[in-house]
Amino acid sequence: MKRKQWQGWGQGEQAQQHYLIQPRALAGGGDVRHVSEFLRASGWRDKSTADGPLSMESPDHTVRIAYDPYVLPGGWTIHGAAIGQQEEWWAVLGRQTPVEIVAGLTDALTRPRSAHAPNVWAPLKEQRWRTPPNAGHVTATSPDGSAWMQYHQSPGGEAMWWSGAKDEPGNGWVAQFAPSTPMHLVQAFSTALASPEPVMRPRGRVPHSTRIQTTSVSVLPSQLSGWQQARVTAARAATWARNTARSARPSTTERSHAHAGGARARR
């Protein structure tokens, strides 16, 4: 079988106009494949039906992620089953939550949990989010006032995390986390939310808002696919490394030993 010699990217391509958008929280939903392709490359099963909403399941069947834009209000639903000491949990994110922020949470589901205690506020403080005093709850607000993260405790003592973003006309999104949602996942979300890095949207998909700043860039289709493929390749490499390390672990099954006197120890 003959293979065509690779001629490099950009042969005969037409550059397309895209826009870098800041703040990222007001960039609009974006392409859901930014989330789904990473999960698929990390070994998650795609259980979506034809022409239906996105539905993904973790390799151990304990977490399900769905995206349904066809219902109101629509958006992302993430559900984790109870396992061990971890209670059942969920997270709901609005349809206009930027996929880059959603991925902060969903990417973390594919990685081992850090040994360090999670701190949801730390990424926000690093980016100079304000935390004005409030008697009922604690709220951190982005420097431009467009996004927020809130820890709310009900009179009954139940704690809840809320987040969201909104522009002047009131367009935006809201995210809500169950009290039992693992804190390292909430921190992963807050890290992506507070990131100062802009996100890219194609022409025609830029929100009409005076609160955003846009920078026009010309991008080749091959560049876009290359960036997307790099993210998928990184997920596959990390998954392979984890699976290899897991299979290389020595067996923990104890064997019987012969004592000096020749008798075998019994358990």
C-alpha atoms as a PDB file:
ATOM      1  CA  MET A   1       0.000   0.000   0.000  1.00  0.00           C
ATOM      2  CA  LYS A   2       1.496   3.291  -1.067  1.00  0.00           C
ATOM      3  CA  ARG A   3       1.409   6.239   1.264  1.00  0.00           C
ATOM      4  CA  LYS A   4       1.322   9.806   0.076  1.00  0.00           C
ATOM      5  CA  GLN A   5       4.272  11.830   1.203  1.00  0.00           C
ATOM      6  CA  TRP A   6       3.293  14.311   3.876  1.00  0.00           C
ATOM      7  CA  GLN A   7       3.403  17.786   2.405  1.00  0.00           C
ATOM      8  CA  GLY A   8       2.962  19.703   5.619  1.00  0.00           C
ATOM      9  CA  TRP A   9       0.041  21.649   6.941  1.00  0.00           C
ATOM     10  CA  GLY A  10      -1.421  24.587   5.132  1.00  0.00           C
ATOM     11  CA  GLN A  11      -1.186  23.372   1.518  1.00  0.00           C
ATOM     12  CA  GLY A  12      -4.046  25.036  -0.308  1.00  0.00           C
ATOM     13  CA  GLU A  13      -5.807  25.992   2.898  1.00  0.00           C
ATOM     14  CA  GLN A  14      -7.730  29.159   3.513  1.00  0.00           C
ATOM     15  CA  ALA A  15      -7.242  30.870   6.843  1.00  0.00           C
ATOM     16  CA  GLN A  16     -10.418  31.329   8.877  1.00  0.00           C
ATOM     17  CA  GLN A  17     -11.202  34.221  11.154  1.00  0.00           C
ATOM     18  CA  HIS A  18     -11.490  33.376  14.839  1.00  0.00           C
ATOM     19  CA  TYR A  19     -11.551  35.468  17.970  1.00  0.00           C
ATOM     20  CA  LEU A  20      -9.758  35.196  21.280  1.00  0.00           C
ATOM     21  CA  ILE A  21     -12.238  36.150  23.999  1.00  0.00           C
ATOM     22  CA  GLN A  22     -11.669  37.516  27.488  1.00  0.00           C
ATOM     23  CA  PRO A  23     -12.984  36.941  30.072  1.00  0.00           C
ATOM     24  CA  ARG A  24     -13.459  33.289  29.233  1.00  0.00           C
ATOM     25  CA  ALA A  25     -16.543  33.003  31.459  1.00  0.00           C
ATOM     26  CA  LEU A  26     -18.540  35.080  28.938  1.00  0.00           C
ATOM     27  CA  ALA A  27     -17.303  33.320  25.781  1.00  0.00           C
ATOM     28  CA  GLY A  28     -20.394  31.134  25.319  1.00  0.00           C
ATOM     29  CA  GLY A  29     -20.660  27.364  25.281  1.00  0.00           C
ATOM     30  CA  GLY A  30     -18.265  26.377  22.507  1.00  0.00           C
ATOM     31  CA  ASP A  31     -17.707  22.970  20.889  1.00  0.00           C
ATOM     32  CA  VAL A  32     -18.726  20.091  23.197  1.00  0.00           C
ATOM     33  CA  ARG A  33     -16.125  17.867  21.519  1.00  0.00           C
ATOM     34  CA  HIS A  34     -13.536  19.725  23.591  1.00  0.00           C
ATOM     35  CA  VAL A  35     -14.962  17.726  26.505  1.00  0.00           C
ATOM     36  CA  SER A  36     -16.179  14.523  24.872  1.00  0.00           C
ATOM     37  CA  GLU A  37     -13.098  13.719  22.762  1.00  0.00           C
ATOM     38  CA  PHE A  38     -10.818  14.047  25.766  1.00  0.00           C
ATOM     39  CA  LEU A  39     -13.028  11.699  27.769  1.00  0.00           C
ATOM     40  CA  ARG A  40     -13.200   9.201  24.920  1.00  0.00           C
ATOM     41  CA  ALA A  41      -9.394   9.239  24.625  1.00  0.00           C
ATOM     42  CA  SER A  42      -9.235   8.644  28.386  1.00  0.00           C
ATOM     43  CA  GLY A  43     -11.170   5.389  28.074  1.00  0.00           C
ATOM     44  CA  TRP A  44     -14.690   6.666  28.728  1.00  0.00           C
ATOM     45  CA  ARG A  45     -17.572   4.990  26.886  1.00  0.00           C
ATOM     46  CA  ASP A  46     -19.754   7.041  24.565  1.00  0.00           C
ATOM     47  CA  LYS A  47     -23.312   5.934  25.279  1.00  0.00           C
ATOM     48  CA  SER A  48     -24.984   8.632  23.194  1.00  0.00           C
ATOM     49  CA  THR A  49     -27.861   7.639  20.938  1.00  0.00           C
ATOM     50  CA  ALA A  50     -28.125   8.717  17.319  1.00  0.00           C
ATOM     51  CA  ASP A  51     -29.116  12.389  17.100  1.00  0.00           C
ATOM     52  CA  GLY A  52     -29.583  12.397  20.864  1.00  0.00           C
ATOM     53  CA  PRO A  53     -27.852  14.220  23.694  1.00  0.00           C
ATOM     54  CA  LEU A  54     -24.242  13.459  24.603  1.00  0.00           C
ATOM     55  CA  SER A  55     -23.852  10.719  27.210  1.00  0.00           C
ATOM     56  CA  MET A  56     -20.491   9.483  28.512  1.00  0.00           C
ATOM     57  CA  GLU A  57     -19.679   6.878  31.177  1.00  0.00           C
ATOM     58  CA  SER A  58     -16.438   6.411  33.115  1.00  0.00           C
ATOM     59  CA  PRO A  59     -14.458   3.177  32.688  1.00  0.00           C
ATOM     60  CA  ASP A  60     -15.498   1.997  36.177  1.00  0.00           C
ATOM     61  CA  HIS A  61     -19.178   2.890  35.512  1.00  0.00           C
ATOM     62  CA  THR A  62     -19.350   5.189  38.555  1.00  0.00           C
ATOM     63  CA  VAL A  63     -19.652   8.568  36.786  1.00  0.00           C
ATOM     64  CA  ARG A  64     -21.952   9.679  33.982  1.00  0.00           C
ATOM     65  CA  ILE A  65     -21.762  12.930  32.053  1.00  0.00           C
ATOM     66  CA  ALA A  66     -24.578  14.198  29.855  1.00  0.00           C
ATOM     67  CA  TYR A  67     -25.049  17.300  27.728  1.00  0.00           C
ATOM     68  CA  ASP A  68     -28.536  18.060  26.441  1.00  0.00           C
ATOM     69  CA  PRO A  69     -29.148  21.369  24.637  1.00  0.00           C
ATOM     70  CA  TYR A  70     -32.629  20.339  23.481  1.00  0.00           C
ATOM     71  CA  VAL A  71     -34.434  20.833  26.785  1.00  0.00           C
ATOM     72  CA  LEU A  72     -34.916  23.907  28.957  1.00  0.00           C
ATOM     73  CA  PRO A  73     -32.792  25.129  30.565  1.00  0.00           C
ATOM     74  CA  GLY A  74     -30.446  22.514  29.062  1.00  0.00           C
ATOM     75  CA  GLY A  75     -26.781  22.003  29.733  1.00  0.00           C
ATOM     76  CA  TRP A  76     -24.402  19.637  31.499  1.00  0.00           C
ATOM     77  CA  THR A  77     -25.304  17.071  34.153  1.00  0.00           C
ATOM     78  CA  ILE A  78     -22.579  15.109  35.929  1.00  0.00           C
ATOM     79  CA  HIS A  79     -23.540  12.327  38.322  1.00  0.00           C
ATOM     80  CA  GLY A  80     -21.275  10.249  40.526  1.00  0.00           C
ATOM     81  CA  ALA A  81     -22.413   7.052  42.222  1.00  0.00           C
ATOM     82  CA  ALA A  82     -21.805   6.333  45.872  1.00  0.00           C
ATOM     83  CA  ILE A  83     -18.621   4.304  46.313  1.00  0.00           C
ATOM     84  CA  GLY A  84     -16.833   3.486  49.545  1.00  0.00           C
ATOM     85  CA  GLN A  85     -16.984   6.513  51.838  1.00  0.00           C
ATOM     86  CA  GLN A  86     -17.874   8.808  48.942  1.00  0.00           C
ATOM     87  CA  GLU A  87     -21.574   9.674  48.874  1.00  0.00           C
ATOM     88  CA  GLU A  88     -23.570  10.024  45.680  1.00  0.00           C
ATOM     89  CA  TRP A  89     -22.947  13.429  44.131  1.00  0.00           C
ATOM     90  CA  TRP A  90     -23.876  15.606  41.167  1.00  0.00           C
ATOM     91  CA  ALA A  91     -23.053  18.845  39.385  1.00  0.00           C
ATOM     92  CA  VAL A  92     -25.235  20.823  36.969  1.00  0.00           C
ATOM     93  CA  LEU A  93     -23.786  23.436  34.612  1.00  0.00           C
ATOM     94  CA  GLY A  94     -25.789  25.706  32.322  1.00  0.00           C
ATOM     95  CA  ARG A  95     -25.787  25.391  28.542  1.00  0.00           C
ATOM     96  CA  GLN A  96     -23.679  28.528  28.035  1.00  0.00           C
ATOM     97  CA  THR A  97     -20.932  27.406  30.412  1.00  0.00           C
ATOM     98  CA  PRO A  98     -17.766  27.550  28.265  1.00  0.00           C
ATOM     99  CA  VAL A  99     -16.524  24.067  27.428  1.00  0.00           C
ATOM    100  CA  GLU A 100     -13.055  25.050  28.609  1.00  0.00           C
ATOM    101  CA  ILE A 101     -14.464  25.614  32.104  1.00  0.00           C
ATOM    102  CA  VAL A 102     -16.551  22.426  31.984  1.00  0.00           C
ATOM    103  CA  ALA A 103     -13.380  20.568  30.985  1.00  0.00           C
ATOM    104  CA  GLY A 104     -11.666  21.822  34.109  1.00  0.00           C
ATOM    105  CA  LEU A 105     -14.046  19.585  36.032  1.00  0.00           C
ATOM    106  CA  THR A 106     -14.426  16.686  33.597  1.00  0.00           C
ATOM    107  CA  ASP A 107     -10.683  16.395  32.857  1.00  0.00           C
ATOM    108  CA  ALA A 108     -10.078  16.070  36.610  1.00  0.00           C
ATOM    109  CA  LEU A 109     -12.341  13.011  36.627  1.00  0.00           C
ATOM    110  CA  THR A 110      -9.773  11.188  34.479  1.00  0.00           C
ATOM    111  CA  ARG A 111      -6.807  11.876  36.768  1.00  0.00           C
ATOM    112  CA  PRO A 112      -5.795  10.426  40.147  1.00  0.00           C
ATOM    113  CA  ARG A 113      -6.746  12.614  43.080  1.00  0.00           C
ATOM    114  CA  SER A 114      -3.945  14.753  44.479  1.00  0.00           C
ATOM    115  CA  ALA A 115      -2.661  13.989  47.969  1.00  0.00           C
ATOM    116  CA  HIS A 116      -2.900  17.694  48.833  1.00  0.00           C
ATOM    117  CA  ALA A 117      -6.026  18.991  50.531  1.00  0.00           C
ATOM    118  CA  PRO A 118      -8.161  20.864  47.970  1.00  0.00           C
ATOM    119  CA  ASN A 119      -8.710  24.594  48.311  1.00  0.00           C
ATOM    120  CA  VAL A 120     -11.467  25.989  46.099  1.00  0.00           C
ATOM    121  CA  TRP A 121     -10.604  29.616  46.911  1.00  0.00           C
ATOM    122  CA  ALA A 122      -6.866  29.436  46.159  1.00  0.00           C
ATOM    123  CA  PRO A 123      -7.100  29.725  42.326  1.00  0.00           C
ATOM    124  CA  LEU A 124      -9.515  32.644  42.701  1.00  0.00           C
ATOM    125  CA  LYS A 125      -7.278  34.527  45.119  1.00  0.00           C
ATOM    126  CA  GLU A 126      -4.295  34.026  42.817  1.00  0.00           C
ATOM    127  CA  GLN A 127      -6.221  35.889  40.105  1.00  0.00           C
ATOM    128  CA  ARG A 128      -7.252  38.686  42.484  1.00  0.00           C
ATOM    129  CA  TRP A 129     -10.905  37.767  42.798  1.00  0.00           C
ATOM    130  CA  ARG A 130     -12.646  39.852  45.468  1.00  0.00           C
ATOM    131  CA  THR A 131     -14.293  38.279  48.512  1.00  0.00           C
ATOM    132  CA  PRO A 132     -16.545  40.935  50.088  1.00  0.00           C
ATOM    133  CA  PRO A 133     -17.938  40.040  53.536  1.00  0.00           C
ATOM    134  CA  ASN A 134     -21.411  38.577  53.698  1.00  0.00           C
ATOM    135  CA  ALA A 135     -23.203  37.301  56.783  1.00  0.00           C
ATOM    136  CA  GLY A 136     -24.989  34.472  55.013  1.00  0.00           C
ATOM    137  CA  HIS A 137     -22.361  33.059  52.697  1.00  0.00           C
ATOM    138  CA  VAL A 138     -18.950  33.661  51.136  1.00  0.00           C
ATOM    139  CA  THR A 139     -18.745  34.925  47.560  1.00  0.00           C
ATOM    140  CA  ALA A 140     -15.712  35.533  45.354  1.00  0.00           C
ATOM    141  CA  THR A 141     -16.210  37.870  42.383  1.00  0.00           C
ATOM    142  CA  SER A 142     -13.957  38.255  39.355  1.00  0.00           C
ATOM    143  CA  PRO A 143     -12.091  41.559  39.010  1.00  0.00           C
ATOM    144  CA  ASP A 144     -14.496  42.762  36.290  1.00  0.00           C
ATOM    145  CA  GLY A 145     -17.559  41.596  38.222  1.00  0.00           C
ATOM    146  CA  SER A 146     -18.819  39.275  35.479  1.00  0.00           C
ATOM    147  CA  ALA A 147     -18.259  35.912  37.233  1.00  0.00           C
ATOM    148  CA  TRP A 148     -18.673  34.630  40.756  1.00  0.00           C
ATOM    149  CA  MET A 149     -18.158  31.607  42.995  1.00  0.00           C
ATOM    150  CA  GLN A 150     -20.202  31.195  46.145  1.00  0.00           C
ATOM    151  CA  TYR A 151     -20.192  28.920  49.168  1.00  0.00           C
ATOM    152  CA  HIS A 152     -23.649  28.916  50.697  1.00  0.00           C
ATOM    153  CA  GLN A 153     -24.723  27.243  53.920  1.00  0.00           C
ATOM    154  CA  SER A 154     -28.428  26.817  54.537  1.00  0.00           C
ATOM    155  CA  PRO A 155     -30.014  27.330  57.984  1.00  0.00           C
ATOM    156  CA  GLY A 156     -30.123  23.557  58.270  1.00  0.00           C
ATOM    157  CA  GLY A 157     -26.350  23.367  57.929  1.00  0.00           C
ATOM    158  CA  GLU A 158     -26.249  21.975  54.376  1.00  0.00           C
ATOM    159  CA  ALA A 159     -23.378  23.469  52.369  1.00  0.00           C
ATOM    160  CA  MET A 160     -23.612  24.153  48.658  1.00  0.00           C
ATOM    161  CA  TRP A 161     -21.312  25.574  45.987  1.00  0.00           C
ATOM    162  CA  TRP A 162     -22.722  27.879  43.286  1.00  0.00           C
ATOM    163  CA  SER A 163     -21.049  29.646  40.401  1.00  0.00           C
ATOM    164  CA  GLY A 164     -21.914  31.563  37.285  1.00  0.00           C
ATOM    165  CA  ALA A 165     -21.327  34.488  34.969  1.00  0.00           C
ATOM    166  CA  LYS A 166     -23.557  37.212  33.540  1.00  0.00           C
ATOM    167  CA  ASP A 167     -23.229  40.229  31.250  1.00  0.00           C
ATOM    168  CA  GLU A 168     -25.254  43.456  31.288  1.00  0.00           C
ATOM    169  CA  PRO A 169     -28.301  42.143  29.362  1.00  0.00           C
ATOM    170  CA  GLY A 170     -28.425  39.175  31.738  1.00  0.00           C
ATOM    171  CA  ASN A 171     -27.042  36.508  29.394  1.00  0.00           C
ATOM    172  CA  GLY A 172     -24.899  33.908  31.079  1.00  0.00           C
ATOM    173  CA  TRP A 173     -24.926  30.632  32.963  1.00  0.00           C
ATOM    174  CA  VAL A 174     -25.127  29.107  36.432  1.00  0.00           C
ATOM    175  CA  ALA A 175     -23.435  26.022  37.898  1.00  0.00           C
ATOM    176  CA  GLN A 176     -24.448  24.167  41.036  1.00  0.00           C
ATOM    177  CA  PHE A 177     -22.670  21.411  42.971  1.00  0.00           C
ATOM    178  CA  ALA A 178     -24.169  18.943  45.426  1.00  0.00           C
ATOM    179  CA  PRO A 179     -22.925  19.192  49.023  1.00  0.00           C
ATOM    180  CA  SER A 180     -21.291  15.790  48.528  1.00  0.00           C
ATOM    181  CA  THR A 181     -19.361  16.754  45.362  1.00  0.00           C
ATOM    182  CA  PRO A 182     -15.660  15.961  45.986  1.00  0.00           C
ATOM    183  CA  MET A 183     -13.818  19.178  46.775  1.00  0.00           C
ATOM    184  CA  HIS A 184     -10.932  18.450  44.408  1.00  0.00           C
ATOM    185  CA  LEU A 185     -13.437  18.539  41.547  1.00  0.00           C
ATOM    186  CA  VAL A 186     -14.868  21.864  42.690  1.00  0.00           C
ATOM    187  CA  GLN A 187     -11.325  23.220  42.897  1.00  0.00           C
ATOM    188  CA  ALA A 188     -10.598  21.973  39.369  1.00  0.00           C
ATOM    189  CA  PHE A 189     -13.676  23.889  38.227  1.00  0.00           C
ATOM    190  CA  SER A 190     -12.658  27.084  40.053  1.00  0.00           C
ATOM    191  CA  THR A 191      -9.161  26.850  38.560  1.00  0.00           C
ATOM    192  CA  ALA A 192     -10.570  26.738  35.022  1.00  0.00           C
ATOM    193  CA  LEU A 193     -13.064  29.487  35.856  1.00  0.00           C
ATOM    194  CA  ALA A 194     -10.398  31.867  37.165  1.00  0.00           C
ATOM    195  CA  SER A 195      -7.849  31.225  34.421  1.00  0.00           C
ATOM    196  CA  PRO A 196      -6.880  34.482  32.676  1.00  0.00           C
ATOM    197  CA  GLU A 197      -6.183  32.630  29.421  1.00  0.00           C
ATOM    198  CA  PRO A 198      -8.569  33.647  26.617  1.00  0.00           C
ATOM    199  CA  VAL A 199     -10.595  31.062  24.712  1.00  0.00           C
ATOM    200  CA  MET A 200     -11.151  30.895  20.978  1.00  0.00           C
ATOM    201  CA  ARG A 201     -14.455  31.078  19.116  1.00  0.00           C
ATOM    202  CA  PRO A 202     -15.114  31.136  15.361  1.00  0.00           C
ATOM    203  CA  ARG A 203     -16.711  34.062  13.616  1.00  0.00           C
ATOM    204  CA  GLY A 204     -20.450  34.006  14.142  1.00  0.00           C
ATOM    205  CA  ARG A 205     -20.110  32.392  17.582  1.00  0.00           C
ATOM    206  CA  VAL A 206     -18.912  35.453  19.464  1.00  0.00           C
ATOM    207  CA  PRO A 207     -21.409  36.677  22.093  1.00  0.00           C
ATOM    208  CA  HIS A 208     -22.791  40.200  21.737  1.00  0.00           C
ATOM    209  CA  SER A 209     -21.560  41.716  24.956  1.00  0.00           C
ATOM    210  CA  THR A 210     -19.799  44.945  25.863  1.00  0.00           C
ATOM    211  CA  ARG A 211     -18.089  43.098  28.724  1.00  0.00           C
ATOM    212  CA  ILE A 212     -15.880  40.944  26.526  1.00  0.00           C
ATOM    213  CA  GLN A 213     -12.649  41.825  24.776  1.00  0.00           C
ATOM    214  CA  THR A 214     -11.949  40.184  21.437  1.00  0.00           C
ATOM    215  CA  THR A 215      -8.767  39.767  19.437  1.00  0.00           C
ATOM    216  CA  SER A 216      -9.115  38.733  15.811  1.00  0.00           C
ATOM    217  CA  VAL A 217      -6.794  35.942  14.651  1.00  0.00           C
ATOM    218  CA  SER A 218      -6.443  34.029  11.381  1.00  0.00           C
ATOM    219  CA  VAL A 219      -6.285  30.277  11.873  1.00  0.00           C
ATOM    220  CA  LEU A 220      -5.772  27.452   9.381  1.00  0.00           C
ATOM    221  CA  PRO A 221      -8.131  24.464   9.674  1.00  0.00           C
ATOM    222  CA  SER A 222      -5.085  22.212  10.058  1.00  0.00           C
ATOM    223  CA  GLN A 223      -3.897  24.300  12.990  1.00  0.00           C
ATOM    224  CA  LEU A 224      -7.246  23.877  14.725  1.00  0.00           C
ATOM    225  CA  SER A 225      -7.264  20.117  14.157  1.00  0.00           C
ATOM    226  CA  GLY A 226      -3.640  19.944  15.310  1.00  0.00           C
ATOM    227  CA  TRP A 227      -4.433  21.687  18.590  1.00  0.00           C
ATOM    228  CA  GLN A 228      -7.420  19.441  19.134  1.00  0.00           C
ATOM    229  CA  GLN A 229      -5.400  16.340  18.332  1.00  0.00           C
ATOM    230  CA  ALA A 230      -2.661  17.382  20.766  1.00  0.00           C
ATOM    231  CA  ARG A 231      -5.220  17.434  23.573  1.00  0.00           C
ATOM    232  CA  VAL A 232      -6.527  13.986  22.572  1.00  0.00           C
ATOM    233  CA  THR A 233      -2.991  12.600  22.272  1.00  0.00           C
ATOM    234  CA  ALA A 234      -2.141  13.863  25.760  1.00  0.00           C
ATOM    235  CA  ALA A 235      -5.219  12.100  27.155  1.00  0.00           C
ATOM    236  CA  ARG A 236      -4.301   8.830  25.457  1.00  0.00           C
ATOM    237  CA  ALA A 237      -0.709   9.037  26.695  1.00  0.00           C
ATOM    238  CA  ALA A 238      -1.823   9.672  30.285  1.00  0.00           C
ATOM    239  CA  THR A 239      -4.315   6.807  30.109  1.00  0.00           C
ATOM    240  CA  TRP A 240      -1.675   4.432  28.736  1.00  0.00           C
ATOM    241  CA  ALA A 241       0.766   5.449  31.475  1.00  0.00           C
ATOM    242  CA  ARG A 242      -1.805   4.848  34.209  1.00  0.00           C
ATOM    243  CA  ASN A 243      -2.824   1.473  32.789  1.00  0.00           C
ATOM    244  CA  THR A 244       0.804   0.425  32.422  1.00  0.00           C
ATOM    245  CA  ALA A 245       1.628   1.426  35.992  1.00  0.00           C
ATOM    246  CA  ARG A 246      -1.446  -0.413  37.268  1.00  0.00           C
ATOM    247  CA  SER A 247      -0.581  -3.633  35.437  1.00  0.00           C
ATOM    248  CA  ALA A 248       3.037  -3.454  36.634  1.00  0.00           C
ATOM    249  CA  ARG A 249       2.116  -3.380  40.312  1.00  0.00           C
ATOM    250  CA  PRO A 250       3.158  -6.525  42.179  1.00  0.00           C
ATOM    251  CA  SER A 251       0.451  -8.817  43.432  1.00  0.00           C
ATOM    252  CA  THR A 252      -0.654  -8.074  46.981  1.00  0.00           C
ATOM    253  CA  THR A 253      -1.708 -11.676  47.615  1.00  0.00           C
ATOM    254  CA  GLU A 254       0.360 -13.109  50.427  1.00  0.00           C
ATOM    255  CA  ARG A 255       1.943 -16.488  49.983  1.00  0.00           C
ATOM    256  CA  SER A 256       2.530 -19.054  52.696  1.00  0.00           C
ATOM    257  CA  HIS A 257       6.038 -19.083  54.075  1.00  0.00           C
ATOM    258  CA  ALA A 258       8.106 -22.019  55.307  1.00  0.00           C
ATOM    259  CA  HIS A 259       9.479 -21.267  58.736  1.00  0.00           C
ATOM    260  CA  ALA A 260      12.941 -22.324  59.812  1.00  0.00           C
ATOM    261  CA  GLY A 261      11.460 -25.412  61.391  1.00  0.00           C
ATOM    262  CA  GLY A 262       9.889 -26.475  58.129  1.00  0.00           C
ATOM    263  CA  ALA A 263       6.267 -25.859  59.143  1.00  0.00           C
ATOM    264  CA  ARG A 264       4.067 -23.701  56.892  1.00  0.00           C
ATOM    265  CA  ALA A 265       2.313 -20.743  58.395  1.00  0.00           C
ATOM    266  CA  ARG A 266      -1.453 -20.861  58.267  1.00  0.00           C
ATOM    267  CA  ARG A 267      -3.697 -17.799  58.101  1.00  0.00           C
END
